[in-house]
PDB file of N, CA and C in Angstrom:
ATOM      1  N   UNK A   1      -3.026 -36.212  59.252  1.00  0.00           N
ATOM      2  CA  UNK A   1      -2.656 -34.872  58.797  1.00  0.00           C
ATOM      3  C   UNK A   1      -1.286 -34.563  58.803  1.00  0.00           C
ATOM      4  N   UNK A   2      -0.817 -33.970  57.851  1.00  0.00           N
ATOM      5  CA  UNK A   2       0.639 -33.542  57.762  1.00  0.00           C
ATOM      6  C   UNK A   2       0.920 -32.581  58.655  1.00  0.00           C
ATOM      7  N   UNK A   3       2.220 -32.283  58.840  1.00  0.00           N
ATOM      8  CA  UNK A   3       2.775 -31.452  59.965  1.00  0.00           C
ATOM      9  C   UNK A   3       2.645 -30.114  59.400  1.00  0.00           C
ATOM     10  N   UNK A   4       2.941 -29.916  58.113  1.00  0.00           N
ATOM     11  CA  UNK A   4       2.814 -28.656  57.381  1.00  0.00           C
ATOM     12  C   UNK A   4       1.146 -28.270  57.476  1.00  0.00           C
ATOM     13  N   UNK A   5       0.177 -29.059  57.176  1.00  0.00           N
ATOM     14  CA  UNK A   5      -1.260 -28.725  57.218  1.00  0.00           C
ATOM     15  C   UNK A   5      -1.574 -28.230  58.622  1.00  0.00           C
ATOM     16  N   UNK A   6      -1.139 -29.031  59.652  1.00  0.00           N
ATOM     17  CA  UNK A   6      -1.501 -28.696  61.189  1.00  0.00           C
ATOM     18  C   UNK A   6      -0.797 -27.265  61.380  1.00  0.00           C
ATOM     19  N   UNK A   7       0.234 -26.967  60.819  1.00  0.00           N
ATOM     20  CA  UNK A   7       0.992 -25.701  61.093  1.00  0.00           C
ATOM     21  C   UNK A   7       0.108 -24.623  60.340  1.00  0.00           C
ATOM     22  N   UNK A   8      -0.365 -24.742  59.231  1.00  0.00           N
ATOM     23  CA  UNK A   8      -1.256 -23.693  58.438  1.00  0.00           C
ATOM     24  C   UNK A   8      -2.339 -23.424  59.144  1.00  0.00           C
ATOM     25  N   UNK A   9      -3.096 -24.592  59.741  1.00  0.00           N
ATOM     26  CA  UNK A   9      -4.369 -24.527  60.344  1.00  0.00           C
ATOM     27  C   UNK A   9      -4.085 -23.649  61.632  1.00  0.00           C
ATOM     28  N   UNK A  10      -3.042 -23.800  62.319  1.00  0.00           N
ATOM     29  CA  UNK A  10      -2.869 -23.268  63.706  1.00  0.00           C
ATOM     30  C   UNK A  10      -2.602 -21.586  63.317  1.00  0.00           C
ATOM     31  N   UNK A  11      -1.689 -21.450  62.387  1.00  0.00           N
ATOM     32  CA  UNK A  11      -1.208 -20.035  61.968  1.00  0.00           C
ATOM     33  C   UNK A  11      -2.682 -19.247  61.661  1.00  0.00           C
ATOM     34  N   UNK A  12      -3.642 -19.879  60.916  1.00  0.00           N
ATOM     35  CA  UNK A  12      -4.942 -19.247  60.329  1.00  0.00           C
ATOM     36  C   UNK A  12      -5.711 -18.823  61.651  1.00  0.00           C
ATOM     37  N   UNK A  13      -5.964 -19.876  62.582  1.00  0.00           N
ATOM     38  CA  UNK A  13      -6.454 -19.700  63.991  1.00  0.00           C
ATOM     39  C   UNK A  13      -5.969 -18.644  64.599  1.00  0.00           C
ATOM     40  N   UNK A  14      -4.543 -18.359  64.737  1.00  0.00           N
ATOM     41  CA  UNK A  14      -4.034 -17.284  65.481  1.00  0.00           C
ATOM     42  C   UNK A  14      -4.069 -16.135  64.903  1.00  0.00           C
ATOM     43  N   UNK A  15      -4.146 -16.000  63.545  1.00  0.00           N
ATOM     44  CA  UNK A  15      -4.251 -14.748  63.006  1.00  0.00           C
ATOM     45  C   UNK A  15      -5.780 -14.197  63.000  1.00  0.00           C
ATOM     46  N   UNK A  16      -6.991 -15.284  63.088  1.00  0.00           N
ATOM     47  CA  UNK A  16      -8.168 -14.842  63.180  1.00  0.00           C
ATOM     48  C   UNK A  16      -8.344 -14.342  64.718  1.00  0.00           C
ATOM     49  N   UNK A  17      -7.720 -14.958  65.699  1.00  0.00           N
ATOM     50  CA  UNK A  17      -7.810 -14.553  67.019  1.00  0.00           C
ATOM     51  C   UNK A  17      -7.274 -13.245  67.189  1.00  0.00           C
ATOM     52  N   UNK A  18      -6.005 -12.905  66.593  1.00  0.00           N
ATOM     53  CA  UNK A  18      -5.326 -11.592  66.794  1.00  0.00           C
ATOM     54  C   UNK A  18      -6.373 -10.490  65.981  1.00  0.00           C
ATOM     55  N   UNK A  19      -6.852 -10.713  64.872  1.00  0.00           N
ATOM     56  CA  UNK A  19      -7.687  -9.715  64.276  1.00  0.00           C
ATOM     57  C   UNK A  19      -9.054  -9.505  64.973  1.00  0.00           C
ATOM     58  N   UNK A  20      -9.502 -10.459  65.804  1.00  0.00           N
ATOM     59  CA  UNK A  20     -10.553 -10.209  66.539  1.00  0.00           C
ATOM     60  C   UNK A  20     -10.391  -9.239  67.539  1.00  0.00           C
ATOM     61  N   UNK A  21      -9.147  -9.227  68.159  1.00  0.00           N
ATOM     62  CA  UNK A  21      -8.723  -8.454  69.411  1.00  0.00           C
ATOM     63  C   UNK A  21      -8.737  -6.910  69.004  1.00  0.00           C
ATOM     64  N   UNK A  22      -8.587  -6.514  67.937  1.00  0.00           N
ATOM     65  CA  UNK A  22      -8.329  -5.234  67.544  1.00  0.00           C
ATOM     66  C   UNK A  22      -9.491  -4.352  67.287  1.00  0.00           C
ATOM     67  N   UNK A  23     -10.733  -5.129  67.487  1.00  0.00           N
ATOM     68  CA  UNK A  23     -12.035  -4.492  66.982  1.00  0.00           C
ATOM     69  C   UNK A  23     -12.452  -3.414  67.912  1.00  0.00           C
ATOM     70  N   UNK A  24     -13.827  -3.348  68.177  1.00  0.00           N
ATOM     71  CA  UNK A  24     -14.370  -2.372  68.789  1.00  0.00           C
ATOM     72  C   UNK A  24     -14.902  -2.842  70.241  1.00  0.00           C
ATOM     73  N   UNK A  25     -14.928  -2.043  71.346  1.00  0.00           N
ATOM     74  CA  UNK A  25     -15.338  -2.373  72.730  1.00  0.00           C
ATOM     75  C   UNK A  25     -16.205  -1.101  73.282  1.00  0.00           C
ATOM     76  N   UNK A  26     -17.353  -1.586  73.662  1.00  0.00           N
ATOM     77  CA  UNK A  26     -18.112  -0.599  74.523  1.00  0.00           C
ATOM     78  C   UNK A  26     -17.965  -1.064  76.134  1.00  0.00           C
ATOM     79  N   UNK A  27     -17.582  -0.004  76.834  1.00  0.00           N
ATOM     80  CA  UNK A  27     -17.503  -0.400  78.204  1.00  0.00           C
ATOM     81  C   UNK A  27     -18.661   0.274  78.850  1.00  0.00           C
ATOM     82  N   UNK A  28     -19.145  -0.764  79.989  1.00  0.00           N
ATOM     83  CA  UNK A  28     -20.072  -0.120  80.946  1.00  0.00           C
ATOM     84  C   UNK A  28     -19.535   0.826  81.901  1.00  0.00           C
ATOM     85  N   UNK A  29     -20.412   1.632  82.480  1.00  0.00           N
ATOM     86  CA  UNK A  29     -20.044   2.781  83.364  1.00  0.00           C
ATOM     87  C   UNK A  29     -19.162   2.081  84.504  1.00  0.00           C
ATOM     88  N   UNK A  30     -17.964   2.766  84.866  1.00  0.00           N
ATOM     89  CA  UNK A  30     -17.201   2.306  85.917  1.00  0.00           C
ATOM     90  C   UNK A  30     -16.296   1.070  85.610  1.00  0.00           C
ATOM     91  N   UNK A  31     -16.226   0.522  84.395  1.00  0.00           N
ATOM     92  CA  UNK A  31     -15.460  -0.655  84.151  1.00  0.00           C
ATOM     93  C   UNK A  31     -14.151   0.038  83.554  1.00  0.00           C
ATOM     94  N   UNK A  32     -13.029  -0.550  83.912  1.00  0.00           N
ATOM     95  CA  UNK A  32     -11.565  -0.039  83.328  1.00  0.00           C
ATOM     96  C   UNK A  32     -11.522  -0.625  81.806  1.00  0.00           C
ATOM     97  N   UNK A  33     -10.712   0.170  81.184  1.00  0.00           N
ATOM     98  CA  UNK A  33     -10.271  -0.229  79.814  1.00  0.00           C
ATOM     99  C   UNK A  33      -8.826  -0.895  79.921  1.00  0.00           C
ATOM    100  N   UNK A  34      -8.823  -2.121  79.585  1.00  0.00           N
ATOM    101  CA  UNK A  34      -7.562  -2.875  79.312  1.00  0.00           C
ATOM    102  C   UNK A  34      -7.168  -2.786  78.100  1.00  0.00           C
ATOM    103  N   UNK A  35      -6.017  -1.954  77.974  1.00  0.00           N
ATOM    104  CA  UNK A  35      -5.384  -1.545  76.545  1.00  0.00           C
ATOM    105  C   UNK A  35      -4.140  -2.470  76.363  1.00  0.00           C
ATOM    106  N   UNK A  36      -4.016  -3.226  75.253  1.00  0.00           N
ATOM    107  CA  UNK A  36      -2.699  -3.948  74.828  1.00  0.00           C
ATOM    108  C   UNK A  36      -2.012  -3.227  73.714  1.00  0.00           C
ATOM    109  N   UNK A  37      -0.637  -3.120  74.171  1.00  0.00           N
ATOM    110  CA  UNK A  37       0.062  -2.378  72.840  1.00  0.00           C
ATOM    111  C   UNK A  37       0.995  -3.736  72.273  1.00  0.00           C
ATOM    112  N   UNK A  38       1.083  -3.618  71.097  1.00  0.00           N
ATOM    113  CA  UNK A  38       1.999  -4.552  70.411  1.00  0.00           C
ATOM    114  C   UNK A  38       2.654  -3.614  69.388  1.00  0.00           C
ATOM    115  N   UNK A  39       3.595  -4.251  68.583  1.00  0.00           N
ATOM    116  CA  UNK A  39       4.185  -3.352  67.378  1.00  0.00           C
ATOM    117  C   UNK A  39       3.012  -2.887  66.534  1.00  0.00           C
ATOM    118  N   UNK A  40       2.827  -1.567  66.604  1.00  0.00           N
ATOM    119  CA  UNK A  40       2.034  -0.699  65.764  1.00  0.00           C
ATOM    120  C   UNK A  40       0.552  -1.088  65.885  1.00  0.00           C
ATOM    121  N   UNK A  41       0.010  -1.552  66.873  1.00  0.00           N
ATOM    122  CA  UNK A  41      -1.368  -1.821  67.029  1.00  0.00           C
ATOM    123  C   UNK A  41      -1.790  -1.732  68.565  1.00  0.00           C
ATOM    124  N   UNK A  42      -3.017  -1.099  68.810  1.00  0.00           N
ATOM    125  CA  UNK A  42      -3.590  -0.993  70.137  1.00  0.00           C
ATOM    126  C   UNK A  42      -4.824  -1.959  70.041  1.00  0.00           C
ATOM    127  N   UNK A  43      -5.009  -2.606  71.079  1.00  0.00           N
ATOM    128  CA  UNK A  43      -6.082  -3.586  71.147  1.00  0.00           C
ATOM    129  C   UNK A  43      -6.717  -3.410  72.521  1.00  0.00           C
ATOM    130  N   UNK A  44      -8.035  -2.964  72.420  1.00  0.00           N
ATOM    131  CA  UNK A  44      -8.816  -2.765  71.172  1.00  0.00           C
ATOM    132  C   UNK A  44      -8.525  -1.396  70.611  1.00  0.00           C
ATOM    133  N   UNK A  45      -8.948  -1.313  69.271  1.00  0.00           N
ATOM    134  CA  UNK A  45      -8.713  -0.072  68.520  1.00  0.00           C
ATOM    135  C   UNK A  45      -9.544   1.066  68.781  1.00  0.00           C
ATOM    136  N   UNK A  46     -10.885   0.444  68.891  1.00  0.00           N
ATOM    137  CA  UNK A  46     -11.874   1.626  69.043  1.00  0.00           C
ATOM    138  C   UNK A  46     -12.814   1.317  70.245  1.00  0.00           C
ATOM    139  N   UNK A  47     -12.971   2.208  71.121  1.00  0.00           N
ATOM    140  CA  UNK A  47     -13.533   2.225  72.350  1.00  0.00           C
ATOM    141  C   UNK A  47     -14.709   3.318  72.587  1.00  0.00           C
ATOM    142  N   UNK A  48     -15.695   2.758  73.210  1.00  0.00           N
ATOM    143  CA  UNK A  48     -16.922   3.863  73.469  1.00  0.00           C
ATOM    144  C   UNK A  48     -17.100   3.672  74.967  1.00  0.00           C
ATOM    145  N   UNK A  49     -17.190   4.915  75.835  1.00  0.00           N
ATOM    146  CA  UNK A  49     -17.330   4.983  77.073  1.00  0.00           C
ATOM    147  C   UNK A  49     -18.284   6.049  77.290  1.00  0.00           C
ATOM    148  N   UNK A  50     -18.808   6.039  78.741  1.00  0.00           N
ATOM    149  CA  UNK A  50     -19.662   7.168  79.117  1.00  0.00           C
ATOM    150  C   UNK A  50     -18.926   8.220  80.019  1.00  0.00           C
ATOM    151  N   UNK A  51     -19.380   9.292  80.019  1.00  0.00           N
ATOM    152  CA  UNK A  51     -18.535  10.383  80.686  1.00  0.00           C
ATOM    153  C   UNK A  51     -18.180   9.883  82.265  1.00  0.00           C
ATOM    154  N   UNK A  52     -17.445  10.589  82.718  1.00  0.00           N
ATOM    155  CA  UNK A  52     -17.132  10.146  84.125  1.00  0.00           C
ATOM    156  C   UNK A  52     -15.501   9.865  84.164  1.00  0.00           C
ATOM    157  N   UNK A  53     -15.147   9.137  85.282  1.00  0.00           N
ATOM    158  CA  UNK A  53     -13.769   8.753  85.365  1.00  0.00           C
ATOM    159  C   UNK A  53     -13.547   7.391  84.588  1.00  0.00           C
ATOM    160  N   UNK A  54     -12.399   7.370  83.893  1.00  0.00           N
ATOM    161  CA  UNK A  54     -12.260   6.242  83.224  1.00  0.00           C
ATOM    162  C   UNK A  54     -10.534   5.801  83.678  1.00  0.00           C
ATOM    163  N   UNK A  55     -10.427   4.576  83.820  1.00  0.00           N
ATOM    164  CA  UNK A  55      -9.135   3.988  84.233  1.00  0.00           C
ATOM    165  C   UNK A  55      -8.706   3.141  83.323  1.00  0.00           C
ATOM    166  N   UNK A  56      -7.501   3.569  82.549  1.00  0.00           N
ATOM    167  CA  UNK A  56      -6.917   2.658  81.437  1.00  0.00           C
ATOM    168  C   UNK A  56      -5.741   1.797  82.015  1.00  0.00           C
ATOM    169  N   UNK A  57      -5.844   0.433  81.941  1.00  0.00           N
ATOM    170  CA  UNK A  57      -4.591  -0.224  82.279  1.00  0.00           C
ATOM    171  C   UNK A  57      -3.938  -0.554  80.900  1.00  0.00           C
ATOM    172  N   UNK A  58      -2.866  -0.251  80.811  1.00  0.00           N
ATOM    173  CA  UNK A  58      -2.145  -0.525  79.657  1.00  0.00           C
ATOM    174  C   UNK A  58      -0.995  -1.435  79.903  1.00  0.00           C
ATOM    175  N   UNK A  59      -0.600  -2.531  78.910  1.00  0.00           N
ATOM    176  CA  UNK A  59       0.456  -3.363  78.932  1.00  0.00           C
ATOM    177  C   UNK A  59       0.986  -3.494  77.593  1.00  0.00           C
ATOM    178  N   UNK A  60       2.290  -3.488  77.557  1.00  0.00           N
ATOM    179  CA  UNK A  60       3.004  -3.489  76.397  1.00  0.00           C
ATOM    180  C   UNK A  60       3.500  -4.885  76.181  1.00  0.00           C
ATOM    181  N   UNK A  61       2.837  -5.471  75.386  1.00  0.00           N
ATOM    182  CA  UNK A  61       3.142  -6.960  74.860  1.00  0.00           C
ATOM    183  C   UNK A  61       4.167  -7.035  73.779  1.00  0.00           C
ATOM    184  N   UNK A  62       4.585  -5.951  73.238  1.00  0.00           N
ATOM    185  CA  UNK A  62       5.416  -5.879  72.045  1.00  0.00           C
ATOM    186  C   UNK A  62       6.949  -6.009  72.546  1.00  0.00           C
ATOM    187  N   UNK A  63       7.822  -5.746  71.526  1.00  0.00           N
ATOM    188  CA  UNK A  63       9.063  -5.774  71.714  1.00  0.00           C
ATOM    189  C   UNK A  63      10.019  -4.622  71.658  1.00  0.00           C
ATOM    190  N   UNK A  64       9.286  -3.489  71.645  1.00  0.00           N
ATOM    191  CA  UNK A  64       9.855  -2.082  71.396  1.00  0.00           C
ATOM    192  C   UNK A  64       9.014  -1.385  72.551  1.00  0.00           C
ATOM    193  N   UNK A  65       9.673  -0.257  72.823  1.00  0.00           N
ATOM    194  CA  UNK A  65       8.975   0.594  73.830  1.00  0.00           C
ATOM    195  C   UNK A  65       7.810   1.452  73.050  1.00  0.00           C
ATOM    196  N   UNK A  66       6.696   1.624  73.907  1.00  0.00           N
ATOM    197  CA  UNK A  66       5.683   2.611  73.429  1.00  0.00           C
ATOM    198  C   UNK A  66       5.416   3.260  74.436  1.00  0.00           C
ATOM    199  N   UNK A  67       4.329   4.364  73.930  1.00  0.00           N
ATOM    200  CA  UNK A  67       3.725   5.077  75.138  1.00  0.00           C
ATOM    201  C   UNK A  67       2.191   5.232  74.574  1.00  0.00           C
ATOM    202  N   UNK A  68       1.322   5.929  75.358  1.00  0.00           N
ATOM    203  CA  UNK A  68       0.027   6.050  75.087  1.00  0.00           C
ATOM    204  C   UNK A  68      -0.161   7.583  75.333  1.00  0.00           C
ATOM    205  N   UNK A  69      -0.680   8.250  74.236  1.00  0.00           N
ATOM    206  CA  UNK A  69      -0.971   9.664  74.472  1.00  0.00           C
ATOM    207  C   UNK A  69      -2.602   9.834  73.892  1.00  0.00           C
ATOM    208  N   UNK A  70      -3.443  10.482  74.714  1.00  0.00           N
ATOM    209  CA  UNK A  70      -4.829  10.690  74.516  1.00  0.00           C
ATOM    210  C   UNK A  70      -5.086  12.050  74.189  1.00  0.00           C
ATOM    211  N   UNK A  71      -5.564  12.349  72.918  1.00  0.00           N
ATOM    212  CA  UNK A  71      -5.759  13.796  72.413  1.00  0.00           C
ATOM    213  C   UNK A  71      -7.156  14.164  71.965  1.00  0.00           C
ATOM    214  N   UNK A  72      -7.286  15.385  71.881  1.00  0.00           N
ATOM    215  CA  UNK A  72      -8.582  15.807  71.238  1.00  0.00           C
ATOM    216  C   UNK A  72      -8.063  17.159  70.397  1.00  0.00           C
ATOM    217  N   UNK A  73      -8.523  17.117  69.132  1.00  0.00           N
ATOM    218  CA  UNK A  73      -8.458  18.177  68.440  1.00  0.00           C
ATOM    219  C   UNK A  73      -6.843  18.641  68.293  1.00  0.00           C
ATOM    220  N   UNK A  74      -6.165  17.656  68.256  1.00  0.00           N
ATOM    221  CA  UNK A  74      -4.608  17.745  68.123  1.00  0.00           C
ATOM    222  C   UNK A  74      -4.035  18.164  69.505  1.00  0.00           C
ATOM    223  N   UNK A  75      -4.705  18.467  70.522  1.00  0.00           N
ATOM    224  CA  UNK A  75      -4.193  19.003  71.963  1.00  0.00           C
ATOM    225  C   UNK A  75      -4.171  17.616  72.941  1.00  0.00           C
ATOM    226  N   UNK A  76      -2.954  17.405  73.325  1.00  0.00           N
ATOM    227  CA  UNK A  76      -2.801  16.296  74.223  1.00  0.00           C
ATOM    228  C   UNK A  76      -3.706  16.515  75.648  1.00  0.00           C
ATOM    229  N   UNK A  77      -4.243  15.605  75.754  1.00  0.00           N
ATOM    230  CA  UNK A  77      -5.177  15.468  77.222  1.00  0.00           C
ATOM    231  C   UNK A  77      -4.421  14.835  78.341  1.00  0.00           C
ATOM    232  N   UNK A  78      -3.852  13.727  78.091  1.00  0.00           N
ATOM    233  CA  UNK A  78      -3.005  12.881  79.063  1.00  0.00           C
ATOM    234  C   UNK A  78      -2.041  12.029  78.140  1.00  0.00           C
ATOM    235  N   UNK A  79      -0.965  11.532  79.065  1.00  0.00           N
ATOM    236  CA  UNK A  79      -0.046  10.855  78.241  1.00  0.00           C
ATOM    237  C   UNK A  79       0.756   9.781  79.345  1.00  0.00           C
ATOM    238  N   UNK A  80       1.184   8.863  79.032  1.00  0.00           N
ATOM    239  CA  UNK A  80       2.163   7.923  79.909  1.00  0.00           C
ATOM    240  C   UNK A  80       3.558   8.124  79.479  1.00  0.00           C
ATOM    241  N   UNK A  81       4.302   7.749  80.509  1.00  0.00           N
ATOM    242  CA  UNK A  81       5.740   7.904  80.100  1.00  0.00           C
ATOM    243  C   UNK A  81       6.005   6.598  79.312  1.00  0.00           C
ATOM    244  N   UNK A  82       7.175   6.552  78.570  1.00  0.00           N
ATOM    245  CA  UNK A  82       7.310   5.408  77.710  1.00  0.00           C
ATOM    246  C   UNK A  82       7.314   3.998  78.354  1.00  0.00           C
ATOM    247  N   UNK A  83       6.783   3.166  77.930  1.00  0.00           N
ATOM    248  CA  UNK A  83       6.348   1.675  78.510  1.00  0.00           C
ATOM    249  C   UNK A  83       7.463   0.820  77.881  1.00  0.00           C
ATOM    250  N   UNK A  84       8.182   0.264  78.634  1.00  0.00           N
ATOM    251  CA  UNK A  84       9.185  -0.793  78.018  1.00  0.00           C
ATOM    252  C   UNK A  84       8.383  -1.996  77.813  1.00  0.00           C
ATOM    253  N   UNK A  85       8.973  -2.946  76.861  1.00  0.00           N
ATOM    254  CA  UNK A  85       8.420  -4.422  76.677  1.00  0.00           C
ATOM    255  C   UNK A  85       8.153  -5.078  78.083  1.00  0.00           C
ATOM    256  N   UNK A  86       6.857  -5.475  77.957  1.00  0.00           N
ATOM    257  CA  UNK A  86       6.690  -6.396  79.198  1.00  0.00           C
ATOM    258  C   UNK A  86       6.195  -5.505  80.294  1.00  0.00           C
ATOM    259  N   UNK A  87       6.345  -4.277  80.364  1.00  0.00           N
ATOM    260  CA  UNK A  87       5.820  -3.440  81.484  1.00  0.00           C
ATOM    261  C   UNK A  87       4.299  -2.971  81.302  1.00  0.00           C
ATOM    262  N   UNK A  88       3.789  -2.435  82.389  1.00  0.00           N
ATOM    263  CA  UNK A  88       2.342  -1.964  82.341  1.00  0.00           C
ATOM    264  C   UNK A  88       2.417  -0.673  83.101  1.00  0.00           C
ATOM    265  N   UNK A  89       1.188   0.117  82.827  1.00  0.00           N
ATOM    266  CA  UNK A  89       1.105   1.362  83.611  1.00  0.00           C
ATOM    267  C   UNK A  89      -0.462   1.604  83.667  1.00  0.00           C
ATOM    268  N   UNK A  90      -0.901   2.587  84.200  1.00  0.00           N
ATOM    269  CA  UNK A  90      -2.301   2.854  84.462  1.00  0.00           C
ATOM    270  C   UNK A  90      -2.483   4.459  84.226  1.00  0.00           C
ATOM    271  N   UNK A  91      -3.501   4.775  83.631  1.00  0.00           N
ATOM    272  CA  UNK A  91      -3.697   6.292  83.290  1.00  0.00           C
ATOM    273  C   UNK A  91      -5.222   6.497  83.771  1.00  0.00           C
ATOM    274  N   UNK A  92      -5.446   7.514  84.545  1.00  0.00           N
ATOM    275  CA  UNK A  92      -6.882   7.813  84.959  1.00  0.00           C
ATOM    276  C   UNK A  92      -7.299   9.354  84.434  1.00  0.00           C
ATOM    277  N   UNK A  93      -8.415   9.115  83.779  1.00  0.00           N
ATOM    278  CA  UNK A  93      -8.869  10.353  82.959  1.00  0.00           C
ATOM    279  C   UNK A  93     -10.287  10.693  83.426  1.00  0.00           C
ATOM    280  N   UNK A  94     -10.696  11.921  83.154  1.00  0.00           N
ATOM    281  CA  UNK A  94     -11.874  12.206  83.341  1.00  0.00           C
ATOM    282  C   UNK A  94     -12.209  13.247  82.132  1.00  0.00           C
ATOM    283  N   UNK A  95     -13.055  12.788  81.112  1.00  0.00           N
ATOM    284  CA  UNK A  95     -12.939  13.235  79.707  1.00  0.00           C
ATOM    285  C   UNK A  95     -14.440  13.706  79.534  1.00  0.00           C
ATOM    286  N   UNK A  96     -14.520  14.855  78.870  1.00  0.00           N
ATOM    287  CA  UNK A  96     -15.660  15.434  78.447  1.00  0.00           C
ATOM    288  C   UNK A  96     -16.380  14.541  77.337  1.00  0.00           C
ATOM    289  N   UNK A  97     -17.514  14.627  76.913  1.00  0.00           N
ATOM    290  CA  UNK A  97     -17.882  13.912  75.874  1.00  0.00           C
ATOM    291  C   UNK A  97     -17.255  14.390  74.481  1.00  0.00           C
ATOM    292  N   UNK A  98     -17.107  13.387  73.492  1.00  0.00           N
ATOM    293  CA  UNK A  98     -16.262  13.789  72.241  1.00  0.00           C
ATOM    294  C   UNK A  98     -15.585  12.675  71.829  1.00  0.00           C
ATOM    295  N   UNK A  99     -14.766  12.900  70.548  1.00  0.00           N
ATOM    296  CA  UNK A  99     -14.002  11.876  69.903  1.00  0.00           C
ATOM    297  C   UNK A  99     -12.512  12.265  70.381  1.00  0.00           C
ATOM    298  N   UNK A 100     -11.683  11.302  70.784  1.00  0.00           N
ATOM    299  CA  UNK A 100     -10.381  11.340  71.261  1.00  0.00           C
ATOM    300  C   UNK A 100      -9.493  10.311  70.401  1.00  0.00           C
ATOM    301  N   UNK A 101      -8.215  10.689  70.202  1.00  0.00           N
ATOM    302  CA  UNK A 101      -7.147   9.903  69.524  1.00  0.00           C
ATOM    303  C   UNK A 101      -6.409   9.300  70.507  1.00  0.00           C
ATOM    304  N   UNK A 102      -6.128   7.859  70.665  1.00  0.00           N
ATOM    305  CA  UNK A 102      -5.254   7.314  71.482  1.00  0.00           C
ATOM    306  C   UNK A 102      -4.149   6.746  70.367  1.00  0.00           C
ATOM    307  N   UNK A 103      -2.876   7.247  70.785  1.00  0.00           N
ATOM    308  CA  UNK A 103      -1.823   6.855  69.886  1.00  0.00           C
ATOM    309  C   UNK A 103      -0.416   6.836  70.758  1.00  0.00           C
ATOM    310  N   UNK A 104       0.453   6.184  70.206  1.00  0.00           N
ATOM    311  CA  UNK A 104       1.801   6.046  70.614  1.00  0.00           C
ATOM    312  C   UNK A 104       2.453   7.047  69.840  1.00  0.00           C
ATOM    313  N   UNK A 105       3.338   7.947  70.457  1.00  0.00           N
ATOM    314  CA  UNK A 105       3.926   9.132  69.673  1.00  0.00           C
ATOM    315  C   UNK A 105       5.575   8.641  69.729  1.00  0.00           C
ATOM    316  N   UNK A 106       5.891   7.575  69.903  1.00  0.00           N
ATOM    317  CA  UNK A 106       7.362   7.353  69.871  1.00  0.00           C
ATOM    318  C   UNK A 106       7.798   7.010  68.512  1.00  0.00           C
ATOM    319  N   UNK A 107       8.704   7.590  67.872  1.00  0.00           N
ATOM    320  CA  UNK A 107       9.200   7.517  66.602  1.00  0.00           C
ATOM    321  C   UNK A 107       8.052   7.516  65.656  1.00  0.00           C
ATOM    322  N   UNK A 108       7.901   6.548  64.835  1.00  0.00           N
ATOM    323  CA  UNK A 108       6.822   6.419  63.670  1.00  0.00           C
ATOM    324  C   UNK A 108       5.654   5.572  64.171  1.00  0.00           C
ATOM    325  N   UNK A 109       5.412   5.308  65.226  1.00  0.00           N
ATOM    326  CA  UNK A 109       4.334   4.492  65.617  1.00  0.00           C
ATOM    327  C   UNK A 109       3.032   4.694  65.275  1.00  0.00           C
ATOM    328  N   UNK A 110       2.481   6.049  65.288  1.00  0.00           N
ATOM    329  CA  UNK A 110       1.164   6.361  64.738  1.00  0.00           C
ATOM    330  C   UNK A 110       1.099   6.055  63.249  1.00  0.00           C
ATOM    331  N   UNK A 111       2.285   6.812  62.474  1.00  0.00           N
ATOM    332  CA  UNK A 111       2.140   6.433  61.163  1.00  0.00           C
ATOM    333  C   UNK A 111       2.174   4.992  60.657  1.00  0.00           C
ATOM    334  N   UNK A 112       2.629   4.128  61.350  1.00  0.00           N
ATOM    335  CA  UNK A 112       2.596   2.725  61.213  1.00  0.00           C
ATOM    336  C   UNK A 112       1.442   1.950  61.687  1.00  0.00           C
ATOM    337  N   UNK A 113       0.479   2.707  62.264  1.00  0.00           N
ATOM    338  CA  UNK A 113      -0.809   1.996  62.592  1.00  0.00           C
ATOM    339  C   UNK A 113      -1.251   1.911  64.210  1.00  0.00           C
ATOM    340  N   UNK A 114      -0.415   2.636  64.962  1.00  0.00           N
ATOM    341  CA  UNK A 114      -0.559   2.355  66.437  1.00  0.00           C
ATOM    342  C   UNK A 114      -1.314   3.643  66.841  1.00  0.00           C
ATOM    343  N   UNK A 115      -2.612   3.447  66.619  1.00  0.00           N
ATOM    344  CA  UNK A 115      -3.606   4.451  67.070  1.00  0.00           C
ATOM    345  C   UNK A 115      -4.886   3.947  67.293  1.00  0.00           C
ATOM    346  N   UNK A 116      -5.883   4.589  67.955  1.00  0.00           N
ATOM    347  CA  UNK A 116      -7.189   4.031  68.109  1.00  0.00           C
ATOM    348  C   UNK A 116      -8.177   5.249  68.303  1.00  0.00           C
ATOM    349  N   UNK A 117      -9.236   5.139  68.487  1.00  0.00           N
ATOM    350  CA  UNK A 117     -10.302   6.036  68.820  1.00  0.00           C
ATOM    351  C   UNK A 117     -10.989   5.922  70.405  1.00  0.00           C
ATOM    352  N   UNK A 118     -11.258   6.862  70.832  1.00  0.00           N
ATOM    353  CA  UNK A 118     -12.000   6.625  72.264  1.00  0.00           C
ATOM    354  C   UNK A 118     -13.120   7.764  72.186  1.00  0.00           C
ATOM    355  N   UNK A 119     -14.447   7.224  72.096  1.00  0.00           N
ATOM    356  CA  UNK A 119     -15.439   8.113  72.095  1.00  0.00           C
ATOM    357  C   UNK A 119     -16.338   8.165  73.322  1.00  0.00           C
ATOM    358  N   UNK A 120     -16.384   9.259  73.799  1.00  0.00           N
ATOM    359  CA  UNK A 120     -17.001   9.581  75.182  1.00  0.00           C
ATOM    360  C   UNK A 120     -18.237  10.216  75.030  1.00  0.00           C
ATOM    361  N   UNK A 121     -19.486   9.552  75.522  1.00  0.00           N
ATOM    362  CA  UNK A 121     -20.796  10.171  75.282  1.00  0.00           C
ATOM    363  C   UNK A 121     -21.504  10.138  76.578  1.00  0.00           C
TER     364      UNK A 121
END
């Protein structure tokens, strides 16, 4: 097989793996959410949890600084400080049932696609 073909196959496999990471996740009671940040993406992008305390472990895998803000109806509920590339932080929340927005509010992150939903039931 040619080197070009091997490179193309590897690129397709990597793209498929990354695409799968951005999907939805249902968390069992008491399990933490592991949230990965990259340029303009949250992984997983859509999360469903039960009411109660939720711990979010956040790691910035990107090359730029990002943050995470959890809001409901336009009102911030919790936020991290800016997270430098390669750094991690933790956010502990106790949320009422409802739909929440998770986003980075640094520069144009949200407009460029760095957001997700958190559904608490």
